[in-house]
Structure formats: structure tokens, C-alpha cells
Amino acid sequence: PIALRALPDHFAYAAKTVRQLITEAQQAGATCFLCTEKDLVKLRNIELQLPLYGVIMEAQPDTALNQLILQHKITQST
């Protein structure tokens, strides 16, 4: 079971929001919380009543995007 809640970047976790997250997770039958490493730092000292795990994310360069940027730079240079 999954309960999904997307929150904006730099979100400040108020007590009310944390209670809502816990309620939503329990109602969905979730067995843990999963968040970004950045949010893990904010949430790790809060009692969530379920295990909390952080997802390690890594940006991968997009070859097509890199080529487009380089082509644009070359076009601007000439």
C-alpha cells in the first residue's frame, strides 16, 4: 500500500502537517515513510510512528540536452 504526498521544495514540516502525513500513511496501510535525503535530515528527529527511509538521488547528464546546449553556444559564437 502506498500513500503519495508531494510537497514543495524547502518545505517546513509543521506539527499539523506531520500529523496529517502519519494519518494518511496509516489509512493507506503504509509500512514506512520514504523521502529525499534532504527531507530525511528534517524528519529524522520527528516521531513518525513508522520507519523513515531516505532515497539517494543522483543526477545523470542527458547527452541530447548537452549536445543541444553545446550547439546553441557554438551558434551564438559565430
Protein backbone atom coordinates (compact mmCIF):
# COMPACT_ATOMS: atom_id res chain seq x y z
CA PRO A 1 0.00 0.00 0.00
CA ILE A 2 1.22 3.48 -0.92
CA ALA A 3 0.09 6.95 0.09
CA LEU A 4 1.72 9.62 -2.04
CA ARG A 5 2.14 13.22 -0.91
CA ALA A 6 4.25 15.61 -2.96
CA LEU A 7 5.44 18.68 -1.09
CA PRO A 8 7.24 21.76 -2.41
CA ASP A 9 11.00 22.15 -2.22
CA HIS A 10 12.28 23.66 1.06
CA PHE A 11 9.04 22.62 2.79
CA ALA A 12 8.91 23.33 6.53
CA TYR A 13 7.33 20.39 8.35
CA ALA A 14 4.88 21.86 10.88
CA ALA A 15 3.39 19.59 13.55
CA LYS A 16 -0.02 19.71 11.82
CA THR A 17 1.47 18.51 8.52
CA VAL A 18 3.36 15.70 10.24
CA ARG A 19 0.14 14.53 11.92
CA GLN A 20 -1.61 14.58 8.52
CA LEU A 21 1.20 12.55 6.95
CA ILE A 22 1.00 9.97 9.73
CA THR A 23 -2.79 9.71 9.39
CA GLU A 24 -2.62 9.35 5.60
CA ALA A 25 0.08 6.68 5.86
CA GLN A 26 -1.88 4.72 8.46
CA GLN A 27 -5.12 4.92 6.45
CA ALA A 28 -3.29 3.66 3.36
CA GLY A 29 -1.74 0.79 5.30
CA ALA A 30 1.78 2.05 4.58
CA THR A 31 4.63 0.35 6.43
CA CYS A 32 7.19 3.18 6.19
CA PHE A 33 7.88 6.73 5.08
CA LEU A 34 10.09 7.34 2.06
CA CYS A 35 11.56 10.77 1.33
CA THR A 36 14.53 12.52 -0.24
CA GLU A 37 17.82 12.72 1.65
CA LYS A 38 17.21 16.44 2.11
CA ASP A 39 13.87 15.81 3.83
CA LEU A 40 15.34 12.93 5.81
CA VAL A 41 17.53 15.47 7.61
CA LYS A 42 14.43 17.48 8.54
CA LEU A 43 12.33 14.48 9.60
CA ARG A 44 14.79 12.14 11.31
CA ASN A 45 14.19 13.56 14.81
CA ILE A 46 10.39 13.60 14.50
CA GLU A 47 8.36 10.66 15.83
CA LEU A 48 6.55 9.36 12.74
CA GLN A 49 5.31 6.03 14.18
CA LEU A 50 6.70 4.25 11.09
CA PRO A 51 10.25 3.67 9.85
CA LEU A 52 11.70 6.53 7.79
CA TYR A 53 13.95 5.92 4.78
CA GLY A 54 15.72 8.38 2.52
CA VAL A 55 16.12 7.90 -1.22
CA ILE A 56 19.58 8.62 -2.59
CA MET A 57 19.15 10.55 -5.82
CA GLU A 58 21.85 11.27 -8.35
CA ALA A 59 21.59 13.49 -11.40
CA GLN A 60 22.67 11.89 -14.64
CA PRO A 61 23.72 14.07 -17.58
CA ASP A 62 21.38 14.00 -20.55
CA THR A 63 23.52 13.54 -23.67
CA ALA A 64 20.91 15.02 -26.02
CA LEU A 65 20.50 18.07 -23.79
CA ASN A 66 24.26 18.54 -23.55
CA GLN A 67 24.56 18.41 -27.34
CA LEU A 68 21.76 20.95 -27.74
CA ILE A 69 23.43 23.33 -25.27
CA LEU A 70 26.80 22.99 -27.00
CA GLN A 71 25.22 23.52 -30.41
CA HIS A 72 23.45 26.64 -29.10
CA LYS A 73 26.73 28.01 -27.70
CA ILE A 74 28.52 27.36 -30.99
CA THR A 75 25.71 29.08 -32.93
CA GLN A 76 25.87 32.11 -30.64
CA SER A 77 29.66 32.31 -31.03
CA THR A 78 29.58 32.53 -34.81
